[in-house]
Amino acid sequence: MYEKPILSRVFAILTVILAVAVLVICLTQRSSGPVLLGTAAGAEECAQGLMERICAGDYAGAAQYLYGTPSLGDDAQRENPASQLIWDAFLSSLSCRPQGDCYADENGLAQDYILSGLDIPSLVAKLKEAVPAVLEAQVDAAENFAQVYDDNWQYREEFAQSVLEETARQVTAGIAPVERQITLRLAFENGQWWVVPDQQLITAISGGIL
């Protein structure tokens, strides 16, 4: 269903964002409808199962509740410490609660949820604002210039990455989760209920990146 696993796409985007930040440092910084009669056995359990897996950070398990069982990714790239720190903070911040019972709409059955978690684009914006102060502090704390600059008096890659990692650590500790209302669409096929993934759901479970 998807060309790339969600987690891989998230980390690819985070890597690009943070790579740009490294470059900056290195260069100087979404009427009534049908009524559900009775209950649809298994539909609410399916929705709840999906949300529990997501809030536990088990995206591979969550994929088993999605129609078509698309790969959400179970082993994201970890090439950038700051992006890994941001993603771990996002997973740790996730919580959810259902809004009412399962109901019928024009597309079939649906279940509303509130998903709470960090908004990664907002977090990255705050990271960019905080980088200069952390950069200055780490330059001042360096024991010698060789820890900071290369032979061309540019910031060393490892030093710039350490600045980003420390900034990400500080920013994730001080930012509050946001709430997103999502509507899970449910379909019955082959004797069981599935959640049909849509852009709203993908955006929510990627922290607002996708």
N, C-alpha and C. Protein backbone atom coordinates (compact mmCIF):
# COMPACT_ATOMS: atom_id res chain seq x y z
N MET A 1 0.83 -1.20 0.00
CA MET A 1 0.00 0.00 0.00
C MET A 1 0.86 1.25 0.00
N TYR A 2 1.96 1.18 0.70
CA TYR A 2 2.86 2.32 0.74
C TYR A 2 4.18 1.94 0.10
N GLU A 3 4.80 2.91 -0.56
CA GLU A 3 6.07 2.61 -1.20
C GLU A 3 7.16 2.38 -0.19
N LYS A 4 7.12 3.09 0.92
CA LYS A 4 8.13 2.93 1.93
C LYS A 4 7.47 2.77 3.29
N PRO A 5 8.07 2.03 4.23
CA PRO A 5 7.53 1.95 5.57
C PRO A 5 7.47 3.33 6.20
N ILE A 6 6.43 3.58 7.03
CA ILE A 6 6.25 4.89 7.63
C ILE A 6 7.46 5.33 8.44
N LEU A 7 7.98 4.43 9.27
CA LEU A 7 9.10 4.85 10.11
C LEU A 7 10.31 5.23 9.28
N SER A 8 10.55 4.49 8.20
CA SER A 8 11.67 4.84 7.35
C SER A 8 11.48 6.22 6.74
N ARG A 9 10.23 6.53 6.33
CA ARG A 9 9.95 7.84 5.76
C ARG A 9 10.11 8.93 6.80
N VAL A 10 9.65 8.65 8.02
CA VAL A 10 9.81 9.64 9.09
C VAL A 10 11.27 9.95 9.31
N PHE A 11 12.09 8.90 9.42
CA PHE A 11 13.50 9.13 9.67
C PHE A 11 14.19 9.76 8.48
N ALA A 12 13.73 9.44 7.27
CA ALA A 12 14.31 10.09 6.10
C ALA A 12 14.06 11.58 6.15
N ILE A 13 12.81 11.98 6.49
CA ILE A 13 12.48 13.40 6.58
C ILE A 13 13.24 14.06 7.71
N LEU A 14 13.29 13.41 8.88
CA LEU A 14 14.04 13.96 10.00
C LEU A 14 15.51 14.12 9.65
N THR A 15 16.04 13.13 8.94
CA THR A 15 17.44 13.20 8.57
C THR A 15 17.71 14.39 7.67
N VAL A 16 16.80 14.63 6.70
CA VAL A 16 16.97 15.78 5.80
C VAL A 16 16.90 17.08 6.59
N ILE A 17 15.88 17.19 7.49
CA ILE A 17 15.73 18.41 8.28
C ILE A 17 16.97 18.67 9.12
N LEU A 18 17.43 17.63 9.79
CA LEU A 18 18.58 17.80 10.67
C LEU A 18 19.87 17.98 9.89
N ALA A 19 19.95 17.36 8.71
CA ALA A 19 21.14 17.57 7.88
C ALA A 19 21.24 19.03 7.47
N VAL A 20 20.09 19.64 7.17
CA VAL A 20 20.09 21.06 6.82
C VAL A 20 20.55 21.89 8.01
N ALA A 21 20.07 21.50 9.21
CA ALA A 21 20.50 22.22 10.40
C ALA A 21 21.99 22.08 10.62
N VAL A 22 22.53 20.88 10.38
CA VAL A 22 23.98 20.68 10.50
C VAL A 22 24.71 21.57 9.52
N LEU A 23 24.20 21.64 8.29
CA LEU A 23 24.84 22.45 7.27
C LEU A 23 24.87 23.92 7.69
N VAL A 24 23.74 24.38 8.28
CA VAL A 24 23.69 25.77 8.74
C VAL A 24 24.75 26.02 9.81
N ILE A 25 24.85 25.06 10.74
CA ILE A 25 25.86 25.20 11.79
C ILE A 25 27.25 25.19 11.19
N CYS A 26 27.45 24.24 10.31
CA CYS A 26 28.79 24.09 9.76
C CYS A 26 29.20 25.30 8.92
N LEU A 27 28.24 25.95 8.30
CA LEU A 27 28.59 27.10 7.47
C LEU A 27 28.60 28.40 8.28
N THR A 28 28.28 28.54 9.37
CA THR A 28 28.37 29.68 10.37
C THR A 28 27.43 29.49 11.45
N GLN A 29 24.20 27.96 11.08
CA GLN A 29 22.61 27.52 11.93
C GLN A 29 21.29 27.06 11.17
N ARG A 30 -6.67 19.05 9.38
CA ARG A 30 -8.58 18.59 8.94
C ARG A 30 -10.89 18.62 9.09
N SER A 31 -24.19 16.63 9.11
CA SER A 31 -25.65 16.41 8.92
C SER A 31 -25.97 15.02 9.35
N SER A 32 -26.07 14.79 9.59
CA SER A 32 -26.44 13.48 10.11
C SER A 32 -26.11 12.42 9.08
N GLY A 33 -25.99 11.20 9.53
CA GLY A 33 -25.65 10.11 8.64
C GLY A 33 -26.39 8.86 9.02
N PRO A 34 -25.97 7.73 8.51
CA PRO A 34 -26.62 6.47 8.83
C PRO A 34 -26.51 6.16 10.32
N VAL A 35 -27.42 5.35 10.80
CA VAL A 35 -27.46 4.97 12.21
C VAL A 35 -27.08 3.51 12.34
N LEU A 36 -26.21 3.21 13.27
CA LEU A 36 -25.81 1.84 13.51
C LEU A 36 -26.84 1.17 14.40
N LEU A 37 -27.45 0.09 13.92
CA LEU A 37 -28.44 -0.65 14.68
C LEU A 37 -27.74 -1.79 15.40
N GLY A 38 -27.74 -1.75 16.73
CA GLY A 38 -27.06 -2.77 17.50
C GLY A 38 -25.57 -2.51 17.52
N THR A 39 -24.81 -3.53 17.68
CA THR A 39 -23.36 -3.39 17.73
C THR A 39 -22.71 -4.25 16.66
N ALA A 40 -21.55 -3.85 16.25
CA ALA A 40 -20.78 -4.61 15.27
C ALA A 40 -19.69 -5.34 16.04
N ALA A 41 -19.94 -6.59 16.32
CA ALA A 41 -19.00 -7.36 17.15
C ALA A 41 -17.62 -7.37 16.51
N GLY A 42 -16.64 -6.93 17.27
CA GLY A 42 -15.27 -6.95 16.82
C GLY A 42 -14.76 -5.64 16.26
N ALA A 43 -15.66 -4.74 15.85
CA ALA A 43 -15.21 -3.48 15.24
C ALA A 43 -14.49 -2.60 16.25
N GLU A 44 -15.11 -2.37 17.41
CA GLU A 44 -14.48 -1.53 18.42
C GLU A 44 -13.20 -2.16 18.95
N GLU A 45 -13.21 -3.51 19.07
CA GLU A 45 -12.01 -4.19 19.53
C GLU A 45 -10.86 -4.00 18.55
N CYS A 46 -11.20 -4.00 17.26
CA CYS A 46 -10.18 -3.78 16.24
C CYS A 46 -9.59 -2.38 16.37
N ALA A 47 -10.45 -1.38 16.49
CA ALA A 47 -9.99 0.00 16.63
C ALA A 47 -9.13 0.17 17.88
N GLN A 48 -9.61 -0.40 18.99
CA GLN A 48 -8.87 -0.28 20.24
C GLN A 48 -7.53 -1.00 20.17
N GLY A 49 -7.52 -2.15 19.53
CA GLY A 49 -6.27 -2.88 19.39
C GLY A 49 -5.24 -2.10 18.61
N LEU A 50 -5.68 -1.46 17.53
CA LEU A 50 -4.76 -0.64 16.74
C LEU A 50 -4.18 0.47 17.58
N MET A 51 -5.04 1.22 18.29
CA MET A 51 -4.57 2.37 19.05
C MET A 51 -3.65 1.96 20.19
N GLU A 52 -3.93 0.82 20.80
CA GLU A 52 -3.06 0.35 21.88
C GLU A 52 -1.67 0.04 21.35
N ARG A 53 -1.59 -0.59 20.18
CA ARG A 53 -0.29 -0.91 19.60
C ARG A 53 0.47 0.38 19.26
N ILE A 54 -0.25 1.34 18.68
CA ILE A 54 0.40 2.60 18.31
C ILE A 54 0.96 3.30 19.55
N CYS A 55 0.13 3.38 20.60
CA CYS A 55 0.58 4.08 21.81
C CYS A 55 1.69 3.34 22.53
N ALA A 56 1.85 2.06 22.23
CA ALA A 56 2.97 1.29 22.79
C ALA A 56 4.21 1.38 21.91
N GLY A 57 4.11 2.10 20.80
CA GLY A 57 5.22 2.20 19.87
C GLY A 57 5.43 0.96 19.04
N ASP A 58 4.45 0.05 19.04
CA ASP A 58 4.55 -1.21 18.30
C ASP A 58 3.89 -1.04 16.94
N TYR A 59 4.60 -0.43 16.01
CA TYR A 59 4.03 -0.15 14.70
C TYR A 59 3.92 -1.42 13.86
N ALA A 60 4.81 -2.37 14.07
CA ALA A 60 4.69 -3.64 13.36
C ALA A 60 3.42 -4.36 13.80
N GLY A 61 3.10 -4.34 15.11
CA GLY A 61 1.87 -4.93 15.62
C GLY A 61 0.64 -4.17 15.14
N ALA A 62 0.76 -2.83 15.06
CA ALA A 62 -0.36 -2.01 14.61
C ALA A 62 -0.74 -2.34 13.17
N ALA A 63 0.27 -2.66 12.35
CA ALA A 63 0.01 -2.96 10.94
C ALA A 63 -0.91 -4.16 10.77
N GLN A 64 -0.94 -5.06 11.76
CA GLN A 64 -1.78 -6.24 11.66
C GLN A 64 -3.27 -5.92 11.79
N TYR A 65 -3.61 -4.70 12.21
CA TYR A 65 -5.01 -4.27 12.30
C TYR A 65 -5.42 -3.43 11.09
N LEU A 66 -4.50 -3.11 10.23
CA LEU A 66 -4.78 -2.26 9.09
C LEU A 66 -5.14 -3.07 7.85
N TYR A 67 -6.12 -2.59 7.10
CA TYR A 67 -6.54 -3.26 5.87
C TYR A 67 -5.37 -3.34 4.91
N GLY A 68 -5.10 -4.54 4.47
CA GLY A 68 -3.96 -4.74 3.58
C GLY A 68 -2.66 -5.00 4.30
N THR A 69 -2.69 -4.91 5.62
CA THR A 69 -1.49 -5.08 6.46
C THR A 69 -0.25 -4.45 5.83
N PRO A 70 -0.29 -3.14 5.60
CA PRO A 70 0.88 -2.46 5.03
C PRO A 70 2.02 -2.45 6.03
N SER A 71 3.21 -2.34 5.54
CA SER A 71 4.37 -2.25 6.43
C SER A 71 4.48 -0.82 6.95
N LEU A 72 4.44 -0.68 8.26
CA LEU A 72 4.67 0.62 8.88
C LEU A 72 6.13 0.79 9.26
N GLY A 73 6.88 -0.29 9.14
CA GLY A 73 8.29 -0.23 9.48
C GLY A 73 8.50 -0.68 10.91
N ASP A 74 9.37 -1.63 11.12
CA ASP A 74 9.66 -2.10 12.47
C ASP A 74 11.12 -1.95 12.84
N ASP A 75 11.89 -1.40 11.92
CA ASP A 75 13.30 -1.17 12.22
C ASP A 75 13.76 0.08 11.50
N ALA A 76 13.43 1.22 12.08
CA ALA A 76 13.74 2.50 11.44
C ALA A 76 15.25 2.75 11.41
N GLN A 77 15.65 3.57 10.46
CA GLN A 77 17.04 3.95 10.38
C GLN A 77 17.43 4.75 11.62
N ARG A 78 18.62 4.51 12.09
CA ARG A 78 19.10 5.20 13.28
C ARG A 78 20.44 5.88 12.99
N GLU A 79 20.53 6.50 11.84
CA GLU A 79 21.81 7.09 11.44
C GLU A 79 22.04 8.45 12.07
N ASN A 80 21.05 9.04 12.71
CA ASN A 80 21.20 10.36 13.28
C ASN A 80 20.73 10.35 14.73
N PRO A 81 21.60 10.57 15.69
CA PRO A 81 21.21 10.50 17.10
C PRO A 81 20.10 11.48 17.46
N ALA A 82 20.13 12.68 16.89
CA ALA A 82 19.10 13.67 17.22
C ALA A 82 17.73 13.25 16.70
N SER A 83 17.68 12.71 15.48
CA SER A 83 16.39 12.27 14.94
C SER A 83 15.86 11.08 15.72
N GLN A 84 16.76 10.18 16.17
CA GLN A 84 16.33 9.04 16.99
C GLN A 84 15.78 9.54 18.32
N LEU A 85 16.43 10.53 18.91
CA LEU A 85 15.98 11.08 20.18
C LEU A 85 14.59 11.71 20.03
N ILE A 86 14.38 12.44 18.94
CA ILE A 86 13.08 13.07 18.69
C ILE A 86 12.00 12.02 18.51
N TRP A 87 12.30 10.96 17.73
CA TRP A 87 11.30 9.91 17.49
C TRP A 87 10.98 9.15 18.78
N ASP A 88 12.01 8.87 19.58
CA ASP A 88 11.78 8.19 20.86
C ASP A 88 10.91 9.04 21.78
N ALA A 89 11.15 10.36 21.79
CA ALA A 89 10.34 11.26 22.61
C ALA A 89 8.90 11.28 22.12
N PHE A 90 8.71 11.24 20.81
CA PHE A 90 7.35 11.21 20.25
C PHE A 90 6.63 9.94 20.69
N LEU A 91 7.29 8.79 20.56
CA LEU A 91 6.66 7.53 20.97
C LEU A 91 6.31 7.53 22.45
N SER A 92 7.20 8.07 23.27
CA SER A 92 6.96 8.11 24.71
C SER A 92 5.80 9.03 25.07
N SER A 93 5.51 10.01 24.23
CA SER A 93 4.45 10.97 24.53
C SER A 93 3.06 10.51 24.11
N LEU A 94 2.97 9.39 23.37
CA LEU A 94 1.69 8.96 22.80
C LEU A 94 0.72 8.42 23.85
N SER A 95 -0.53 8.87 23.78
CA SER A 95 -1.63 8.32 24.57
C SER A 95 -2.90 8.54 23.77
N CYS A 96 -3.96 7.78 24.05
CA CYS A 96 -5.20 7.92 23.29
C CYS A 96 -6.40 7.61 24.16
N ARG A 97 -7.55 8.11 23.72
CA ARG A 97 -8.82 7.78 24.38
C ARG A 97 -9.93 7.82 23.34
N PRO A 98 -10.87 6.86 23.41
CA PRO A 98 -11.97 6.82 22.44
C PRO A 98 -12.97 7.93 22.73
N GLN A 99 -13.61 8.39 21.68
CA GLN A 99 -14.66 9.41 21.80
C GLN A 99 -16.00 8.76 21.44
N GLY A 100 -16.72 8.29 22.46
CA GLY A 100 -18.00 7.62 22.20
C GLY A 100 -17.81 6.22 21.67
N ASP A 101 -18.90 5.69 21.12
CA ASP A 101 -18.90 4.33 20.60
C ASP A 101 -18.71 4.31 19.09
N CYS A 102 -18.53 3.12 18.58
CA CYS A 102 -18.47 2.92 17.14
C CYS A 102 -19.80 3.32 16.51
N TYR A 103 -19.76 3.98 15.35
CA TYR A 103 -20.99 4.45 14.72
C TYR A 103 -20.91 4.26 13.20
N ALA A 104 -22.08 4.40 12.55
CA ALA A 104 -22.15 4.26 11.10
C ALA A 104 -22.09 5.63 10.45
N ASP A 105 -21.39 5.72 9.34
CA ASP A 105 -21.41 6.93 8.53
C ASP A 105 -21.57 6.52 7.07
N GLU A 106 -21.41 7.48 6.16
CA GLU A 106 -21.68 7.20 4.76
C GLU A 106 -20.72 6.19 4.15
N ASN A 107 -19.58 5.98 4.82
CA ASN A 107 -18.59 5.06 4.30
C ASN A 107 -18.60 3.69 4.97
N GLY A 108 -19.42 3.54 6.02
CA GLY A 108 -19.44 2.28 6.76
C GLY A 108 -19.40 2.55 8.25
N LEU A 109 -18.52 1.87 8.97
CA LEU A 109 -18.38 2.08 10.41
C LEU A 109 -17.17 2.95 10.70
N ALA A 110 -17.28 3.68 11.81
CA ALA A 110 -16.19 4.56 12.20
C ALA A 110 -16.09 4.61 13.72
N GLN A 111 -14.93 5.01 14.20
CA GLN A 111 -14.68 5.18 15.63
C GLN A 111 -13.76 6.37 15.80
N ASP A 112 -14.18 7.32 16.63
CA ASP A 112 -13.37 8.51 16.87
C ASP A 112 -12.45 8.32 18.06
N TYR A 113 -11.27 8.88 17.95
CA TYR A 113 -10.28 8.84 19.02
C TYR A 113 -9.60 10.20 19.15
N ILE A 114 -9.12 10.47 20.33
CA ILE A 114 -8.20 11.58 20.54
C ILE A 114 -6.82 10.97 20.75
N LEU A 115 -5.89 11.34 19.90
CA LEU A 115 -4.52 10.86 20.02
C LEU A 115 -3.65 12.03 20.47
N SER A 116 -2.99 11.85 21.58
CA SER A 116 -2.11 12.89 22.12
C SER A 116 -0.67 12.51 21.89
N GLY A 117 0.12 13.47 21.44
CA GLY A 117 1.54 13.20 21.21
C GLY A 117 2.25 14.46 20.76
N LEU A 118 3.55 14.42 20.76
CA LEU A 118 4.33 15.57 20.32
C LEU A 118 4.08 15.87 18.85
N ASP A 119 4.09 17.14 18.51
CA ASP A 119 4.00 17.56 17.11
C ASP A 119 5.43 17.79 16.63
N ILE A 120 5.92 16.90 15.79
CA ILE A 120 7.32 16.95 15.41
C ILE A 120 7.69 18.21 14.63
N PRO A 121 6.88 18.69 13.67
CA PRO A 121 7.27 19.94 13.01
C PRO A 121 7.44 21.11 13.98
N SER A 122 6.55 21.22 14.98
CA SER A 122 6.70 22.28 15.98
C SER A 122 7.96 22.09 16.80
N LEU A 123 8.25 20.83 17.11
CA LEU A 123 9.45 20.52 17.88
C LEU A 123 10.70 20.92 17.09
N VAL A 124 10.71 20.60 15.80
CA VAL A 124 11.87 20.93 14.98
C VAL A 124 12.03 22.45 14.87
N ALA A 125 10.91 23.18 14.79
CA ALA A 125 10.98 24.65 14.73
C ALA A 125 11.61 25.20 16.00
N LYS A 126 11.24 24.66 17.16
CA LYS A 126 11.83 25.09 18.42
C LYS A 126 13.30 24.70 18.49
N LEU A 127 13.63 23.55 17.92
CA LEU A 127 15.02 23.12 17.88
C LEU A 127 15.87 24.14 17.13
N LYS A 128 15.37 24.59 15.99
CA LYS A 128 16.12 25.57 15.20
C LYS A 128 16.35 26.85 15.99
N GLU A 129 15.33 27.28 16.76
CA GLU A 129 15.46 28.49 17.56
C GLU A 129 16.49 28.33 18.67
N ALA A 130 16.56 27.11 19.22
CA ALA A 130 17.42 26.88 20.38
C ALA A 130 18.86 26.55 20.01
N VAL A 131 19.13 26.20 18.76
CA VAL A 131 20.47 25.79 18.36
C VAL A 131 21.55 26.84 18.67
N PRO A 132 21.36 28.11 18.35
CA PRO A 132 22.46 29.07 18.58
C PRO A 132 22.95 29.12 20.02
N ALA A 133 22.02 29.09 20.99
CA ALA A 133 22.42 29.15 22.40
C ALA A 133 23.20 27.92 22.81
N VAL A 134 22.74 26.74 22.35
CA VAL A 134 23.45 25.51 22.68
C VAL A 134 24.80 25.48 22.00
N LEU A 135 24.85 25.96 20.78
CA LEU A 135 26.12 26.03 20.05
C LEU A 135 27.12 26.88 20.80
N GLU A 136 26.69 28.05 21.22
CA GLU A 136 27.60 28.95 21.94
C GLU A 136 28.09 28.32 23.24
N ALA A 137 27.17 27.66 23.96
CA ALA A 137 27.55 27.04 25.22
C ALA A 137 28.55 25.92 25.01
N GLN A 138 28.37 25.13 23.95
CA GLN A 138 29.28 24.01 23.72
C GLN A 138 30.64 24.50 23.21
N VAL A 139 30.64 25.58 22.46
CA VAL A 139 31.91 26.16 22.04
C VAL A 139 32.68 26.64 23.26
N ASP A 140 31.99 27.34 24.16
CA ASP A 140 32.64 27.85 25.38
C ASP A 140 33.16 26.72 26.26
N ALA A 141 32.44 25.57 26.25
CA ALA A 141 32.82 24.46 27.13
C ALA A 141 33.92 23.59 26.53
N ALA A 142 34.22 23.78 25.27
CA ALA A 142 35.24 22.95 24.63
C ALA A 142 36.61 23.21 25.24
N GLU A 143 37.38 22.16 25.39
CA GLU A 143 38.70 22.29 25.99
C GLU A 143 39.71 22.90 25.03
N ASN A 144 39.51 22.67 23.74
CA ASN A 144 40.42 23.26 22.76
C ASN A 144 39.71 23.40 21.42
N PHE A 145 40.28 24.20 20.54
CA PHE A 145 39.67 24.48 19.25
C PHE A 145 39.54 23.23 18.39
N ALA A 146 40.43 22.26 18.56
CA ALA A 146 40.41 21.06 17.74
C ALA A 146 39.15 20.24 17.96
N GLN A 147 38.51 20.39 19.13
CA GLN A 147 37.25 19.69 19.38
C GLN A 147 36.10 20.30 18.61
N VAL A 148 36.26 21.55 18.20
CA VAL A 148 35.18 22.31 17.57
C VAL A 148 35.38 22.47 16.07
N TYR A 149 36.61 22.84 15.68
CA TYR A 149 36.87 23.19 14.29
C TYR A 149 37.78 22.19 13.59
N ASP A 150 37.59 22.09 12.27
CA ASP A 150 38.50 21.27 11.48
C ASP A 150 39.66 22.14 10.99
N ASP A 151 40.45 21.60 10.11
CA ASP A 151 41.62 22.33 9.63
C ASP A 151 41.27 23.57 8.84
N ASN A 152 40.02 23.63 8.32
CA ASN A 152 39.57 24.80 7.56
C ASN A 152 38.75 25.76 8.43
N TRP A 153 38.81 25.57 9.73
CA TRP A 153 38.08 26.40 10.68
C TRP A 153 36.57 26.36 10.44
N GLN A 154 36.10 25.20 10.01
CA GLN A 154 34.66 24.94 9.94
C GLN A 154 34.32 24.02 11.11
N TYR A 155 33.03 24.09 11.56
CA TYR A 155 32.62 23.21 12.65
C TYR A 155 32.74 21.75 12.22
N ARG A 156 33.32 20.94 13.08
CA ARG A 156 33.42 19.53 12.80
C ARG A 156 32.03 18.90 12.74
N GLU A 157 31.86 17.90 11.85
CA GLU A 157 30.58 17.22 11.71
C GLU A 157 30.12 16.63 13.03
N GLU A 158 31.03 15.95 13.74
CA GLU A 158 30.66 15.32 15.00
C GLU A 158 30.28 16.36 16.06
N PHE A 159 30.94 17.52 15.99
CA PHE A 159 30.60 18.59 16.94
C PHE A 159 29.20 19.14 16.63
N ALA A 160 28.92 19.38 15.34
CA ALA A 160 27.60 19.88 14.95
C ALA A 160 26.50 18.90 15.33
N GLN A 161 26.79 17.60 15.14
CA GLN A 161 25.80 16.58 15.51
C GLN A 161 25.57 16.57 17.02
N SER A 162 26.62 16.77 17.79
CA SER A 162 26.46 16.81 19.24
C SER A 162 25.64 18.01 19.67
N VAL A 163 25.80 19.13 18.97
CA VAL A 163 24.99 20.31 19.27
C VAL A 163 23.51 20.02 19.00
N LEU A 164 23.24 19.39 17.86
CA LEU A 164 21.85 19.04 17.53
C LEU A 164 21.26 18.06 18.53
N GLU A 165 22.07 17.06 18.94
CA GLU A 165 21.56 16.07 19.89
C GLU A 165 21.23 16.70 21.23
N GLU A 166 22.11 17.56 21.72
CA GLU A 166 21.86 18.23 23.00
C GLU A 166 20.66 19.17 22.89
N THR A 167 20.55 19.88 21.76
CA THR A 167 19.40 20.78 21.58
C THR A 167 18.11 19.99 21.54
N ALA A 168 18.12 18.85 20.82
CA ALA A 168 16.92 18.01 20.75
C ALA A 168 16.54 17.50 22.13
N ARG A 169 17.55 17.14 22.93
CA ARG A 169 17.28 16.65 24.29
C ARG A 169 16.60 17.74 25.14
N GLN A 170 17.10 18.95 25.05
CA GLN A 170 16.54 20.05 25.82
C GLN A 170 15.13 20.41 25.35
N VAL A 171 14.95 20.46 24.03
CA VAL A 171 13.64 20.87 23.48
C VAL A 171 12.57 19.82 23.76
N THR A 172 12.90 18.53 23.59
CA THR A 172 11.89 17.49 23.83
C THR A 172 11.48 17.43 25.29
N ALA A 173 12.38 17.84 26.18
CA ALA A 173 12.05 17.83 27.61
C ALA A 173 11.10 18.96 27.99
N GLY A 174 11.03 20.01 27.14
CA GLY A 174 10.23 21.17 27.51
C GLY A 174 9.00 21.42 26.66
N ILE A 175 8.68 20.52 25.74
CA ILE A 175 7.53 20.74 24.86
C ILE A 175 6.38 19.82 25.25
N ALA A 176 5.16 20.36 25.21
CA ALA A 176 3.98 19.59 25.62
C ALA A 176 3.33 18.89 24.43
N PRO A 177 2.73 17.72 24.67
CA PRO A 177 2.02 17.02 23.59
C PRO A 177 0.81 17.83 23.11
N VAL A 178 0.41 17.58 21.89
CA VAL A 178 -0.81 18.18 21.34
C VAL A 178 -1.83 17.07 21.10
N GLU A 179 -3.11 17.44 21.04
CA GLU A 179 -4.16 16.46 20.82
C GLU A 179 -4.67 16.55 19.38
N ARG A 180 -4.83 15.38 18.76
CA ARG A 180 -5.41 15.31 17.43
C ARG A 180 -6.63 14.39 17.47
N GLN A 181 -7.77 14.85 16.92
CA GLN A 181 -8.93 13.98 16.80
C GLN A 181 -8.84 13.24 15.49
N ILE A 182 -8.91 11.92 15.56
CA ILE A 182 -8.85 11.11 14.34
C ILE A 182 -10.07 10.21 14.28
N THR A 183 -10.51 9.92 13.06
CA THR A 183 -11.63 9.03 12.82
C THR A 183 -11.11 7.78 12.13
N LEU A 184 -11.25 6.66 12.82
CA LEU A 184 -10.83 5.39 12.23
C LEU A 184 -11.96 4.82 11.40
N ARG A 185 -11.70 4.52 10.15
CA ARG A 185 -12.68 3.91 9.25
C ARG A 185 -12.50 2.40 9.29
N LEU A 186 -13.60 1.67 9.50
CA LEU A 186 -13.53 0.22 9.65
C LEU A 186 -14.24 -0.51 8.53
N ALA A 187 -13.64 -1.59 8.07
CA ALA A 187 -14.21 -2.41 7.01
C ALA A 187 -14.17 -3.87 7.44
N PHE A 188 -15.17 -4.65 7.00
CA PHE A 188 -15.26 -6.07 7.35
C PHE A 188 -14.96 -6.89 6.11
N GLU A 189 -13.97 -7.73 6.22
CA GLU A 189 -13.60 -8.57 5.08
C GLU A 189 -12.93 -9.84 5.60
N ASN A 190 -13.22 -10.93 4.92
CA ASN A 190 -12.63 -12.24 5.26
C ASN A 190 -12.85 -12.60 6.72
N GLY A 191 -14.05 -12.27 7.22
CA GLY A 191 -14.43 -12.68 8.56
C GLY A 191 -13.87 -11.85 9.70
N GLN A 192 -13.27 -10.71 9.38
CA GLN A 192 -12.76 -9.88 10.46
C GLN A 192 -12.79 -8.40 10.09
N TRP A 193 -12.67 -7.56 11.13
CA TRP A 193 -12.68 -6.11 10.95
C TRP A 193 -11.26 -5.60 10.75
N TRP A 194 -11.17 -4.56 9.91
CA TRP A 194 -9.90 -3.91 9.64
C TRP A 194 -10.08 -2.39 9.75
N VAL A 195 -9.04 -1.71 10.15
CA VAL A 195 -9.02 -0.25 10.06
C VAL A 195 -8.44 0.11 8.71
N VAL A 196 -9.16 0.96 7.97
CA VAL A 196 -8.69 1.39 6.65
C VAL A 196 -7.81 2.62 6.83
N PRO A 197 -6.52 2.52 6.57
CA PRO A 197 -5.63 3.66 6.79
C PRO A 197 -5.90 4.78 5.79
N ASP A 198 -5.87 6.02 6.28
CA ASP A 198 -6.01 7.18 5.41
C ASP A 198 -4.96 8.21 5.81
N GLN A 199 -4.94 9.33 5.09
CA GLN A 199 -3.90 10.33 5.35
C GLN A 199 -3.99 10.90 6.76
N GLN A 200 -5.22 11.08 7.28
CA GLN A 200 -5.40 11.61 8.63
C GLN A 200 -4.72 10.73 9.67
N LEU A 201 -4.90 9.43 9.55
CA LEU A 201 -4.29 8.50 10.48
C LEU A 201 -2.78 8.50 10.33
N ILE A 202 -2.29 8.46 9.09
CA ILE A 202 -0.86 8.43 8.86
C ILE A 202 -0.20 9.67 9.41
N THR A 203 -0.83 10.83 9.20
CA THR A 203 -0.28 12.07 9.74
C THR A 203 -0.18 12.02 11.25
N ALA A 204 -1.24 11.52 11.90
CA ALA A 204 -1.27 11.48 13.37
C ALA A 204 -0.20 10.56 13.94
N ILE A 205 -0.02 9.39 13.33
CA ILE A 205 0.91 8.43 13.90
C ILE A 205 2.35 8.69 13.46
N SER A 206 2.55 9.70 12.63
CA SER A 206 3.91 10.09 12.26
C SER A 206 4.31 11.39 12.94
N GLY A 207 3.49 11.86 13.88
CA GLY A 207 3.83 13.08 14.59
C GLY A 207 3.63 14.34 13.78
N GLY A 208 2.82 14.27 12.72
CA GLY A 208 2.56 15.44 11.90
C GLY A 208 3.50 15.63 10.75
N ILE A 209 4.42 14.70 10.54
CA ILE A 209 5.42 14.86 9.45
C ILE A 209 4.84 14.46 8.11
N LEU A 210 4.12 13.31 8.05
CA LEU A 210 3.67 12.78 6.76
C LEU A 210 2.26 13.21 6.43
